[in-house]
C-alpha atoms as a PDB file:
ATOM      1  CA  MET A   1     103.499  79.757 111.118  1.00  0.00           C
ATOM      2  CA  ILE A   2     102.584  76.479 112.859  1.00  0.00           C
ATOM      3  CA  LEU A   3      99.450  77.770 113.578  1.00  0.00           C
ATOM      4  CA  GLU A   4      98.309  79.431 110.594  1.00  0.00           C
ATOM      5  CA  PHE A   5      99.208  76.056 109.112  1.00  0.00           C
ATOM      6  CA  LEU A   6      97.282  74.030 111.452  1.00  0.00           C
ATOM      7  CA  VAL A   7      94.253  76.257 112.055  1.00  0.00           C
ATOM      8  CA  GLY A   8      94.571  79.059 109.276  1.00  0.00           C
ATOM      9  CA  HIS A   9      95.167  82.237 111.768  1.00  0.00           C
ATOM     10  CA  SER A  10      97.255  84.491 109.446  1.00  0.00           C
ATOM     11  CA  PHE A  11     100.660  85.940 111.055  1.00  0.00           C
ATOM     12  CA  GLY A  12      99.356  89.105 110.008  1.00  0.00           C
ATOM     13  CA  ASN A  13      95.724  88.703 111.930  1.00  0.00           C
ATOM     14  CA  VAL A  14      98.122  87.810 115.061  1.00  0.00           C
ATOM     15  CA  LEU A  15     100.240  90.844 115.018  1.00  0.00           C
ATOM     16  CA  VAL A  16      97.344  93.159 114.356  1.00  0.00           C
ATOM     17  CA  SER A  17      95.357  91.624 117.707  1.00  0.00           C
ATOM     18  CA  VAL A  18      98.967  91.703 119.594  1.00  0.00           C
ATOM     19  CA  LEU A  19      99.126  95.585 118.609  1.00  0.00           C
ATOM     20  CA  LEU A  20      96.024  96.134 119.827  1.00  0.00           C
ATOM     21  CA  ALA A  21      96.699  94.519 123.230  1.00  0.00           C
ATOM     22  CA  ILE A  22      99.736  96.168 123.784  1.00  0.00           C
ATOM     23  CA  ILE A  23      97.758  99.728 123.261  1.00  0.00           C
ATOM     24  CA  ILE A  24      95.065  98.555 125.438  1.00  0.00           C
ATOM     25  CA  ASP A  25      97.138  97.415 128.029  1.00  0.00           C
ATOM     26  CA  SER A  26      99.547 100.751 127.974  1.00  0.00           C
ATOM     27  CA  PHE A  27      96.427 102.844 128.877  1.00  0.00           C
ATOM     28  CA  PHE A  28      94.414 100.818 131.033  1.00  0.00           C
ATOM     29  CA  GLY A  29      96.441  97.816 132.417  1.00  0.00           C
ATOM     30  CA  TRP A  30      94.035  95.200 134.058  1.00  0.00           C
ATOM     31  CA  PRO A  31      91.587  97.468 135.946  1.00  0.00           C
ATOM     32  CA  ASP A  32      90.396  97.110 139.232  1.00  0.00           C
ATOM     33  CA  PHE A  33      86.965  96.199 138.626  1.00  0.00           C
ATOM     34  CA  LEU A  34      87.778  93.609 136.120  1.00  0.00           C
ATOM     35  CA  PHE A  35      89.915  91.904 138.696  1.00  0.00           C
ATOM     36  CA  LYS A  36      86.994  92.000 140.888  1.00  0.00           C
ATOM     37  CA  ILE A  37      84.566  90.482 138.514  1.00  0.00           C
ATOM     38  CA  LEU A  38      86.970  88.094 136.591  1.00  0.00           C
ATOM     39  CA  SER A  39      90.048  87.830 138.696  1.00  0.00           C
ATOM     40  CA  HIS A  40      92.776  87.240 136.359  1.00  0.00           C
ATOM     41  CA  PRO A  41      94.200  84.349 134.030  1.00  0.00           C
ATOM     42  CA  VAL A  42      97.250  84.219 135.941  1.00  0.00           C
ATOM     43  CA  VAL A  43      95.568  83.700 139.124  1.00  0.00           C
ATOM     44  CA  TRP A  44      93.452  80.879 137.559  1.00  0.00           C
ATOM     45  CA  ILE A  45      96.725  79.069 136.676  1.00  0.00           C
ATOM     46  CA  GLY A  46      98.117  80.000 139.910  1.00  0.00           C
ATOM     47  CA  ARG A  47      95.630  78.245 141.551  1.00  0.00           C
ATOM     48  CA  LEU A  48      96.138  74.797 139.809  1.00  0.00           C
ATOM     49  CA  ILE A  49      99.659  75.092 140.625  1.00  0.00           C
ATOM     50  CA  LYS A  50      98.972  75.736 143.950  1.00  0.00           C
ATOM     51  CA  THR A  51      96.635  72.268 144.034  1.00  0.00           C
ATOM     52  CA  LEU A  52      99.373  70.499 142.540  1.00  0.00           C
ATOM     53  CA  ASP A  53     101.880  71.567 145.141  1.00  0.00           C
ATOM     54  CA  THR A  54      99.963  70.813 148.147  1.00  0.00           C
ATOM     55  CA  ARG A  55      99.084  67.217 146.634  1.00  0.00           C
ATOM     56  CA  LEU A  56     102.472  66.385 144.823  1.00  0.00           C
ATOM     57  CA  ASN A  57     104.949  68.280 146.748  1.00  0.00           C
ATOM     58  CA  ILE A  58     105.570  65.708 149.700  1.00  0.00           C
ATOM     59  CA  PRO A  59     108.687  66.363 151.579  1.00  0.00           C
ATOM     60  CA  GLU A  60     109.011  63.120 152.965  1.00  0.00           C
ATOM     61  CA  LYS A  61     109.582  61.580 149.241  1.00  0.00           C
ATOM     62  CA  SER A  62     113.260  61.734 147.719  1.00  0.00           C
ATOM     63  CA  PRO A  63     114.496  64.062 145.487  1.00  0.00           C
ATOM     64  CA  SER A  64     114.136  61.698 142.600  1.00  0.00           C
ATOM     65  CA  VAL A  65     110.727  61.545 143.326  1.00  0.00           C
ATOM     66  CA  LEU A  66     110.120  65.201 144.021  1.00  0.00           C
ATOM     67  CA  ARG A  67     111.834  65.948 140.710  1.00  0.00           C
ATOM     68  CA  PHE A  68     109.034  63.506 138.880  1.00  0.00           C
ATOM     69  CA  MET A  69     106.160  64.840 140.821  1.00  0.00           C
ATOM     70  CA  GLY A  70     107.522  68.412 139.795  1.00  0.00           C
ATOM     71  CA  ILE A  71     108.107  67.711 136.037  1.00  0.00           C
ATOM     72  CA  LEU A  72     104.401  66.080 136.471  1.00  0.00           C
ATOM     73  CA  THR A  73     103.366  69.585 137.577  1.00  0.00           C
ATOM     74  CA  LEU A  74     104.695  71.353 134.738  1.00  0.00           C
ATOM     75  CA  LEU A  75     103.166  69.021 132.228  1.00  0.00           C
ATOM     76  CA  ILE A  76      99.832  69.555 133.719  1.00  0.00           C
ATOM     77  CA  THR A  77      99.864  73.282 134.209  1.00  0.00           C
ATOM     78  CA  THR A  78     101.051  73.899 130.641  1.00  0.00           C
ATOM     79  CA  THR A  79      98.709  70.737 128.901  1.00  0.00           C
ATOM     80  CA  VAL A  80      95.841  72.278 130.628  1.00  0.00           C
ATOM     81  CA  THR A  81      96.549  75.985 129.565  1.00  0.00           C
ATOM     82  CA  LEU A  82      97.456  74.794 126.220  1.00  0.00           C
ATOM     83  CA  ALA A  83      94.362  72.835 125.947  1.00  0.00           C
ATOM     84  CA  ILE A  84      91.940  75.778 127.106  1.00  0.00           C
ATOM     85  CA  THR A  85      93.723  78.218 124.993  1.00  0.00           C
ATOM     86  CA  LEU A  86      93.932  76.242 121.850  1.00  0.00           C
ATOM     87  CA  PHE A  87      90.487  75.457 121.972  1.00  0.00           C
ATOM     88  CA  ILE A  88      89.544  79.192 122.194  1.00  0.00           C
ATOM     89  CA  TRP A  89      91.816  79.771 119.441  1.00  0.00           C
ATOM     90  CA  LEU A  90      89.815  77.286 117.300  1.00  0.00           C
ATOM     91  CA  VAL A  91      86.765  78.678 117.840  1.00  0.00           C
ATOM     92  CA  LEU A  92      87.853  82.285 117.250  1.00  0.00           C
ATOM     93  CA  PRO A  93      85.515  84.053 114.390  1.00  0.00           C
ATOM     94  CA  ALA A  94      87.561  85.023 111.135  1.00  0.00           C
ATOM     95  CA  GLY A  95      88.324  88.555 110.001  1.00  0.00           C
ATOM     96  CA  PRO A  96      88.127  91.907 112.336  1.00  0.00           C
ATOM     97  CA  PHE A  97      85.945  90.348 115.047  1.00  0.00           C
ATOM     98  CA  GLY A  98      88.032  87.726 115.419  1.00  0.00           C
ATOM     99  CA  ILE A  99      91.333  89.754 115.828  1.00  0.00           C
ATOM    100  CA  LEU A 100      89.723  92.128 118.166  1.00  0.00           C
ATOM    101  CA  ILE A 101      88.671  89.033 120.533  1.00  0.00           C
ATOM    102  CA  ASN A 102      92.081  87.764 120.058  1.00  0.00           C
ATOM    103  CA  ALA A 103      93.421  91.054 121.382  1.00  0.00           C
ATOM    104  CA  LEU A 104      91.188  91.438 124.599  1.00  0.00           C
ATOM    105  CA  LEU A 105      92.333  87.505 125.537  1.00  0.00           C
ATOM    106  CA  ILE A 106      95.740  88.567 125.276  1.00  0.00           C
ATOM    107  CA  TRP A 107      95.683  92.038 126.841  1.00  0.00           C
ATOM    108  CA  PRO A 108      95.327  90.416 130.439  1.00  0.00           C
ATOM    109  CA  LEU A 109      98.686  88.469 129.633  1.00  0.00           C
ATOM    110  CA  LEU A 110     100.419  91.446 129.279  1.00  0.00           C
ATOM    111  CA  ALA A 111     101.951  93.581 132.200  1.00  0.00           C
ATOM    112  CA  ILE A 112     102.954  96.949 130.418  1.00  0.00           C
ATOM    113  CA  HIS A 113     101.096  99.552 132.639  1.00  0.00           C
ATOM    114  CA  SER A 114     101.228  97.517 135.651  1.00  0.00           C
ATOM    115  CA  LEU A 115     104.772  97.142 136.044  1.00  0.00           C
ATOM    116  CA  HIS A 116     105.360 100.715 134.860  1.00  0.00           C
ATOM    117  CA  GLN A 117     103.080 101.833 137.676  1.00  0.00           C
ATOM    118  CA  HIS A 118     104.741  99.520 140.570  1.00  0.00           C
ATOM    119  CA  VAL A 119     108.109 101.424 139.904  1.00  0.00           C
ATOM    120  CA  ASP A 120     106.609 104.755 139.560  1.00  0.00           C
ATOM    121  CA  ASN A 121     104.901 103.886 142.920  1.00  0.00           C
ATOM    122  CA  ILE A 122     108.566 103.389 144.349  1.00  0.00           C
ATOM    123  CA  ARG A 123     110.297 106.674 142.554  1.00  0.00           C
ATOM    124  CA  ALA A 124     107.396 109.007 143.458  1.00  0.00           C
ATOM    125  CA  PRO A 125     107.734 108.491 147.498  1.00  0.00           C
ATOM    126  CA  LEU A 126     111.358 108.728 147.154  1.00  0.00           C
ATOM    127  CA  ALA A 127     111.599 111.761 145.567  1.00  0.00           C
ATOM    128  CA  LYS A 128     109.519 112.816 148.268  1.00  0.00           C
ATOM    129  CA  ASN A 129     112.081 111.598 150.755  1.00  0.00           C
ATOM    130  CA  ASN A 130     109.435 109.372 152.190  1.00  0.00           C
ATOM    131  CA  LEU A 131     111.468 105.950 152.791  1.00  0.00           C
ATOM    132  CA  GLU A 132     108.684 104.063 154.455  1.00  0.00           C
ATOM    133  CA  LYS A 133     106.342 104.322 151.864  1.00  0.00           C
ATOM    134  CA  ALA A 134     108.788 103.182 149.291  1.00  0.00           C
ATOM    135  CA  ARG A 135     109.829 100.515 151.368  1.00  0.00           C
ATOM    136  CA  MET A 136     106.156  99.433 151.357  1.00  0.00           C
ATOM    137  CA  ALA A 137     105.746  99.918 147.623  1.00  0.00           C
ATOM    138  CA  ILE A 138     109.016  97.884 146.788  1.00  0.00           C
ATOM    139  CA  ALA A 139     108.060  94.896 148.715  1.00  0.00           C
ATOM    140  CA  MET A 140     105.144  94.388 146.385  1.00  0.00           C
ATOM    141  CA  ILE A 141     107.717  93.592 143.681  1.00  0.00           C
ATOM    142  CA  VAL A 142     110.668  91.842 145.362  1.00  0.00           C
ATOM    143  CA  SER A 143     110.879  89.354 147.995  1.00  0.00           C
ATOM    144  CA  ARG A 144     113.507  91.157 150.251  1.00  0.00           C
ATOM    145  CA  ASP A 145     112.766  92.390 153.485  1.00  0.00           C
ATOM    146  CA  PRO A 146     111.939  96.009 152.845  1.00  0.00           C
ATOM    147  CA  LYS A 147     113.101  96.861 156.375  1.00  0.00           C
ATOM    148  CA  THR A 148     116.746  96.584 155.292  1.00  0.00           C
ATOM    149  CA  LEU A 149     116.601  98.909 152.547  1.00  0.00           C
ATOM    150  CA  ASP A 150     118.040 102.305 152.424  1.00  0.00           C
ATOM    151  CA  GLN A 151     117.106 104.683 149.280  1.00  0.00           C
ATOM    152  CA  SER A 152     120.212 103.127 147.120  1.00  0.00           C
ATOM    153  CA  ALA A 153     118.958  99.665 147.869  1.00  0.00           C
ATOM    154  CA  ILE A 154     115.484 100.340 147.134  1.00  0.00           C
ATOM    155  CA  CYS A 155     116.397 101.721 143.948  1.00  0.00           C
ATOM    156  CA  ARG A 156     118.553  99.300 142.705  1.00  0.00           C
ATOM    157  CA  ALA A 157     116.133  96.643 143.805  1.00  0.00           C
ATOM    158  CA  ALA A 158     113.196  98.655 141.539  1.00  0.00           C
ATOM    159  CA  THR A 159     115.942  99.040 138.659  1.00  0.00           C
ATOM    160  CA  GLU A 160     116.346  95.551 138.507  1.00  0.00           C
ATOM    161  CA  SER A 161     113.022  94.235 138.670  1.00  0.00           C
ATOM    162  CA  LEU A 162     111.824  96.729 135.910  1.00  0.00           C
ATOM    163  CA  ALA A 163     114.795  95.390 133.978  1.00  0.00           C
ATOM    164  CA  GLU A 164     114.076  91.852 134.621  1.00  0.00           C
ATOM    165  CA  ASN A 165     110.548  92.339 134.399  1.00  0.00           C
ATOM    166  CA  THR A 166     110.249  93.985 130.858  1.00  0.00           C
ATOM    167  CA  SER A 167     111.782  90.866 129.666  1.00  0.00           C
ATOM    168  CA  ASP A 168     109.428  88.751 131.683  1.00  0.00           C
ATOM    169  CA  GLY A 169     106.556  90.259 131.975  1.00  0.00           C
ATOM    170  CA  VAL A 170     106.283  92.305 128.331  1.00  0.00           C
ATOM    171  CA  ILE A 171     108.949  91.152 125.815  1.00  0.00           C
ATOM    172  CA  ALA A 172     108.860  87.070 126.390  1.00  0.00           C
ATOM    173  CA  PRO A 173     104.894  87.482 126.320  1.00  0.00           C
ATOM    174  CA  LEU A 174     104.801  89.214 123.208  1.00  0.00           C
ATOM    175  CA  PHE A 175     107.394  87.085 121.459  1.00  0.00           C
ATOM    176  CA  TRP A 176     105.374  83.902 122.293  1.00  0.00           C
ATOM    177  CA  ALA A 177     102.187  85.803 121.322  1.00  0.00           C
ATOM    178  CA  CYS A 178     103.731  86.560 117.690  1.00  0.00           C
ATOM    179  CA  LEU A 179     105.110  83.145 117.270  1.00  0.00           C
ATOM    180  CA  PHE A 180     101.952  81.021 118.359  1.00  0.00           C
ATOM    181  CA  GLY A 181      99.176  83.378 119.172  1.00  0.00           C
ATOM    182  CA  LEU A 182      97.164  83.114 122.148  1.00  0.00           C
ATOM    183  CA  PRO A 183      98.315  79.275 122.886  1.00  0.00           C
ATOM    184  CA  GLY A 184     101.616  80.409 122.782  1.00  0.00           C
ATOM    185  CA  ILE A 185     101.457  83.400 125.165  1.00  0.00           C
ATOM    186  CA  GLY A 186      99.084  80.962 127.646  1.00  0.00           C
ATOM    187  CA  PHE A 187     101.672  78.385 127.468  1.00  0.00           C
ATOM    188  CA  TYR A 188     104.524  80.946 128.589  1.00  0.00           C
ATOM    189  CA  LYS A 189     102.611  82.632 131.195  1.00  0.00           C
ATOM    190  CA  ALA A 190     101.753  78.843 132.563  1.00  0.00           C
ATOM    191  CA  VAL A 191     105.700  78.425 132.515  1.00  0.00           C
ATOM    192  CA  ASN A 192     106.652  81.681 133.832  1.00  0.00           C
ATOM    193  CA  THR A 193     103.882  81.396 136.545  1.00  0.00           C
ATOM    194  CA  LEU A 194     105.381  77.908 137.837  1.00  0.00           C
ATOM    195  CA  ASP A 195     108.649  79.213 138.006  1.00  0.00           C
ATOM    196  CA  SER A 196     107.646  82.588 140.122  1.00  0.00           C
ATOM    197  CA  MET A 197     105.660  80.070 142.640  1.00  0.00           C
ATOM    198  CA  ILE A 198     107.774  77.030 142.766  1.00  0.00           C
ATOM    199  CA  GLY A 199     111.019  77.781 140.867  1.00  0.00           C
ATOM    200  CA  TYR A 200     112.897  78.148 143.945  1.00  0.00           C
ATOM    201  CA  LYS A 201     116.357  77.316 145.428  1.00  0.00           C
ATOM    202  CA  ASN A 202     115.232  76.572 149.108  1.00  0.00           C
ATOM    203  CA  GLU A 203     114.460  73.160 150.714  1.00  0.00           C
ATOM    204  CA  LYS A 204     110.762  72.837 149.550  1.00  0.00           C
ATOM    205  CA  TYR A 205     111.236  73.407 146.214  1.00  0.00           C
ATOM    206  CA  LEU A 206     114.819  72.788 145.442  1.00  0.00           C
ATOM    207  CA  HIS A 207     113.803  69.418 143.708  1.00  0.00           C
ATOM    208  CA  PHE A 208     109.907  69.912 142.852  1.00  0.00           C
ATOM    209  CA  GLY A 209     110.699  73.059 141.387  1.00  0.00           C
ATOM    210  CA  TRP A 210     113.708  72.106 139.578  1.00  0.00           C
ATOM    211  CA  ALA A 211     112.121  71.364 136.204  1.00  0.00           C
ATOM    212  CA  SER A 212     109.773  74.722 136.343  1.00  0.00           C
ATOM    213  CA  ALA A 213     112.814  76.986 136.701  1.00  0.00           C
ATOM    214  CA  ARG A 214     114.922  75.057 134.070  1.00  0.00           C
ATOM    215  CA  PHE A 215     112.426  75.114 131.611  1.00  0.00           C
ATOM    216  CA  ASP A 216     111.444  79.131 132.441  1.00  0.00           C
ATOM    217  CA  ASP A 217     115.427  79.518 131.651  1.00  0.00           C
ATOM    218  CA  LEU A 218     114.622  77.676 128.564  1.00  0.00           C
ATOM    219  CA  VAL A 219     111.532  79.944 127.045  1.00  0.00           C
ATOM    220  CA  ASN A 220     113.099  83.483 128.203  1.00  0.00           C
ATOM    221  CA  LEU A 221     116.592  82.549 126.886  1.00  0.00           C
ATOM    222  CA  ILE A 222     115.550  84.428 123.473  1.00  0.00           C
ATOM    223  CA  PRO A 223     113.441  87.022 124.922  1.00  0.00           C
ATOM    224  CA  ALA A 224     115.919  88.031 127.828  1.00  0.00           C
ATOM    225  CA  ARG A 225     118.669  88.966 124.944  1.00  0.00           C
ATOM    226  CA  LEU A 226     116.039  90.327 122.866  1.00  0.00           C
ATOM    227  CA  THR A 227     115.153  92.327 125.509  1.00  0.00           C
ATOM    228  CA  ALA A 228     118.423  93.849 126.341  1.00  0.00           C
ATOM    229  CA  LEU A 229     118.950  94.661 122.613  1.00  0.00           C
ATOM    230  CA  LEU A 230     115.585  96.491 122.836  1.00  0.00           C
ATOM    231  CA  PHE A 231     116.644  98.578 125.533  1.00  0.00           C
ATOM    232  CA  LEU A 232     120.484  99.191 123.999  1.00  0.00           C
ATOM    233  CA  LEU A 233     118.230 100.620 120.741  1.00  0.00           C
ATOM    234  CA  ALA A 234     116.011 102.726 122.570  1.00  0.00           C
ATOM    235  CA  SER A 235     118.717 103.841 125.157  1.00  0.00           C
ATOM    236  CA  GLY A 236     120.819 106.625 123.139  1.00  0.00           C
ATOM    237  CA  ALA A 237     123.768 105.052 124.617  1.00  0.00           C
ATOM    238  CA  PRO A 238     124.225 101.688 122.988  1.00  0.00           C
ATOM    239  CA  LEU A 239     127.969 101.053 123.221  1.00  0.00           C
ATOM    240  CA  LYS A 240     127.612 101.490 126.955  1.00  0.00           C
ATOM    241  CA  GLY A 241     124.929  99.294 127.435  1.00  0.00           C
ATOM    242  CA  LEU A 242     126.670  96.597 125.028  1.00  0.00           C
ATOM    243  CA  LYS A 243     130.143  96.905 126.775  1.00  0.00           C
ATOM    244  CA  CYS A 244     128.372  96.056 129.969  1.00  0.00           C
ATOM    245  CA  ILE A 245     126.446  93.353 128.579  1.00  0.00           C
ATOM    246  CA  LYS A 246     129.554  91.873 127.444  1.00  0.00           C
ATOM    247  CA  ASN A 247     131.489  92.208 130.836  1.00  0.00           C
ATOM    248  CA  ASP A 248     128.681  91.162 133.406  1.00  0.00           C
ATOM    249  CA  ALA A 249     125.663  89.764 131.854  1.00  0.00           C
ATOM    250  CA  GLY A 250     127.081  86.040 132.851  1.00  0.00           C
ATOM    251  CA  LYS A 251     128.065  87.315 136.209  1.00  0.00           C
ATOM    252  CA  HIS A 252     124.361  87.154 137.288  1.00  0.00           C
ATOM    253  CA  ARG A 253     123.052  84.168 139.021  1.00  0.00           C
ATOM    254  CA  SER A 254     120.402  83.902 136.370  1.00  0.00           C
ATOM    255  CA  PRO A 255     121.073  82.808 132.810  1.00  0.00           C
ATOM    256  CA  ASN A 256     118.893  85.375 131.678  1.00  0.00           C
ATOM    257  CA  ALA A 257     118.287  88.164 133.665  1.00  0.00           C
ATOM    258  CA  GLY A 258     122.065  89.273 133.706  1.00  0.00           C
ATOM    259  CA  TRP A 259     121.217  90.328 129.921  1.00  0.00           C
ATOM    260  CA  PRO A 260     118.183  93.142 130.414  1.00  0.00           C
ATOM    261  CA  GLU A 261     120.220  94.225 133.791  1.00  0.00           C
ATOM    262  CA  SER A 262     123.309  94.877 132.565  1.00  0.00           C
ATOM    263  CA  ALA A 263     121.929  96.513 129.542  1.00  0.00           C
ATOM    264  CA  MET A 264     120.302  99.064 131.589  1.00  0.00           C
ATOM    265  CA  ALA A 265     122.717  99.378 133.980  1.00  0.00           C
ATOM    266  CA  GLY A 266     124.948 100.617 131.114  1.00  0.00           C
ATOM    267  CA  ALA A 267     122.703 102.522 129.484  1.00  0.00           C
ATOM    268  CA  LEU A 268     122.294 104.496 132.833  1.00  0.00           C
ATOM    269  CA  ASP A 269     125.910 104.471 133.821  1.00  0.00           C
ATOM    270  CA  ILE A 270     124.735 103.178 137.389  1.00  0.00           C
ATOM    271  CA  ARG A 271     125.841 100.025 139.125  1.00  0.00           C
ATOM    272  CA  LEU A 272     122.996  96.965 139.985  1.00  0.00           C
ATOM    273  CA  SER A 273     123.053  93.753 141.716  1.00  0.00           C
ATOM    274  CA  GLY A 274     125.628  93.077 144.341  1.00  0.00           C
ATOM    275  CA  PRO A 275     125.100  91.447 147.843  1.00  0.00           C
ATOM    276  CA  ARG A 276     122.086  91.658 149.344  1.00  0.00           C
ATOM    277  CA  LEU A 277     120.139  89.859 152.129  1.00  0.00           C
ATOM    278  CA  TYR A 278     117.621  87.227 151.769  1.00  0.00           C
ATOM    279  CA  ASP A 279     115.981  85.563 154.716  1.00  0.00           C
ATOM    280  CA  GLY A 280     118.421  87.007 156.896  1.00  0.00           C
ATOM    281  CA  VAL A 281     121.374  85.559 154.715  1.00  0.00           C
ATOM    282  CA  MET A 282     123.808  88.036 152.774  1.00  0.00           C
ATOM    283  CA  THR A 283     124.369  86.674 149.358  1.00  0.00           C
ATOM    284  CA  GLU A 284     127.629  86.843 147.405  1.00  0.00           C
ATOM    285  CA  ASP A 285     126.555  88.348 144.175  1.00  0.00           C
ATOM    286  CA  GLN A 286     128.525  90.365 142.117  1.00  0.00           C
ATOM    287  CA  TRP A 287     128.303  93.765 140.939  1.00  0.00           C
ATOM    288  CA  VAL A 288     126.921  94.923 137.590  1.00  0.00           C
ATOM    289  CA  ASN A 289     128.607  97.282 136.037  1.00  0.00           C
ATOM    290  CA  ASP A 290     130.921  97.640 139.358  1.00  0.00           C
ATOM    291  CA  GLY A 291     132.476 101.462 139.705  1.00  0.00           C
ATOM    292  CA  LYS A 292     129.320 103.478 138.855  1.00  0.00           C
ATOM    293  CA  PRO A 293     127.043 105.229 141.073  1.00  0.00           C
ATOM    294  CA  ASP A 294     124.334 103.430 142.886  1.00  0.00           C
ATOM    295  CA  PRO A 295     120.894 104.561 141.446  1.00  0.00           C
ATOM    296  CA  ASP A 296     118.662 107.090 142.648  1.00  0.00           C
ATOM    297  CA  HIS A 297     115.219 108.247 142.347  1.00  0.00           C
ATOM    298  CA  LEU A 298     116.447 110.102 139.539  1.00  0.00           C
ATOM    299  CA  SER A 299     117.968 107.434 137.862  1.00  0.00           C
ATOM    300  CA  LEU A 300     114.824 105.454 138.532  1.00  0.00           C
ATOM    301  CA  GLY A 301     112.941 108.221 136.648  1.00  0.00           C
ATOM    302  CA  ARG A 302     115.331 107.612 133.658  1.00  0.00           C
ATOM    303  CA  ALA A 303     114.908 103.800 133.860  1.00  0.00           C
ATOM    304  CA  LEU A 304     110.973 104.448 133.696  1.00  0.00           C
ATOM    305  CA  ALA A 305     111.589 106.889 130.655  1.00  0.00           C
ATOM    306  CA  LEU A 306     113.824 103.954 128.961  1.00  0.00           C
ATOM    307  CA  TYR A 307     111.234 101.470 129.808  1.00  0.00           C
ATOM    308  CA  ARG A 308     108.893 104.011 127.867  1.00  0.00           C
ATOM    309  CA  ARG A 309     110.983 104.202 125.073  1.00  0.00           C
ATOM    310  CA  THR A 310     111.541 100.540 124.889  1.00  0.00           C
ATOM    311  CA  ILE A 311     107.855  99.720 124.399  1.00  0.00           C
ATOM    312  CA  ILE A 312     106.896 102.380 122.032  1.00  0.00           C
ATOM    313  CA  GLY A 313     110.023 100.877 119.878  1.00  0.00           C
ATOM    314  CA  THR A 314     108.840  97.703 120.024  1.00  0.00           C
ATOM    315  CA  THR A 315     105.458  98.851 118.969  1.00  0.00           C
ATOM    316  CA  ILE A 316     106.864 100.563 116.089  1.00  0.00           C
ATOM    317  CA  ILE A 317     108.846  97.256 114.832  1.00  0.00           C
ATOM    318  CA  LEU A 318     105.855  95.191 115.285  1.00  0.00           C
ATOM    319  CA  PHE A 319     103.423  97.730 113.394  1.00  0.00           C
ATOM    320  CA  LEU A 320     105.989  98.102 110.453  1.00  0.00           C
ATOM    321  CA  ALA A 321     105.967  94.106 110.588  1.00  0.00           C
ATOM    322  CA  ALA A 322     102.426  93.769 110.265  1.00  0.00           C
ATOM    323  CA  ALA A 323     102.498  97.063 107.662  1.00  0.00           C
ATOM    324  CA  SER A 324     104.639  94.639 105.280  1.00  0.00           C
ATOM    325  CA  LEU A 325     101.928  91.997 105.241  1.00  0.00           C
ATOM    326  CA  ASN A 326      99.000  91.886 103.028  1.00  0.00           C
ATOM    327  CA  TYR A 327      95.863  92.566 104.654  1.00  0.00           C
ATOM    328  CA  GLU A 328      93.517  92.942 101.655  1.00  0.00           C
ATOM    329  CA  SER A 329      91.267  90.046 102.854  1.00  0.00           C
ATOM    330  CA  LEU A 330      90.218  92.249 106.066  1.00  0.00           C
ATOM    331  CA  PHE A 331      89.659  95.400 104.742  1.00  0.00           C
END
């Protein structure tokens, strides 16, 4: 491993830290009292991006200048994040204490607990026919106007968000953490936060956010496909999911999101995506798993169950990988 060669952190130690972070986040998430005291690393990154956006994204500039400024924003944000996380990585103590500190630093950069909670906050009121409360909850995780969403549209949006964010918020951070430790996951979260803040194809960010959006596509290329594979393995119906991936993954407007969404749609035997309303404009998105029924609160519950099995399966895989390494120096 590159970082193992550079700074002496063994791959086995990194996996143990990642496993501990998964366990902590799965049970506790990022508690409100810690958010009040420390805020959150993604918020810190977001403040830097917001400052750069305000100062460098000047509408009067030409498209080429805005693209250059967007590239500069990407470079500054990722460089600052890498510098900080690499410095922390270099000064971490050796042995079990260092592993624990590393796990505590990786923990807030995962979204295992919060993702499950957000989606379950949508499922629960739907199960009680409380559409207004479900609309309030879906507004927390998608940008669609909740007032235009009926129960089927809410369930589709929630299931799509669960599938896509399993990749962006869980598997991709774990992937980069396993490869490059704390600097790897810090770098990924910087890129992903850039995309979520400025990676839009609207008038304001079409050129300024171009580099961040394209780079986010690149760093998620492998994790998105890995997430789809993990969904298939955890589903109990891998052939259905595989067929849906083959037919529909490429239809999605995103080069990556179609993979976990089609895997989940096939595994649950529901349809996702399709035309939807953004800012008063109806999109022409194609259906994923067309011909199958729309999801409801019951299938949303099954989607959450699939998510939980995927997290458990991922944890087992990482545990087996860690157990196959030699830890005699630690114990």
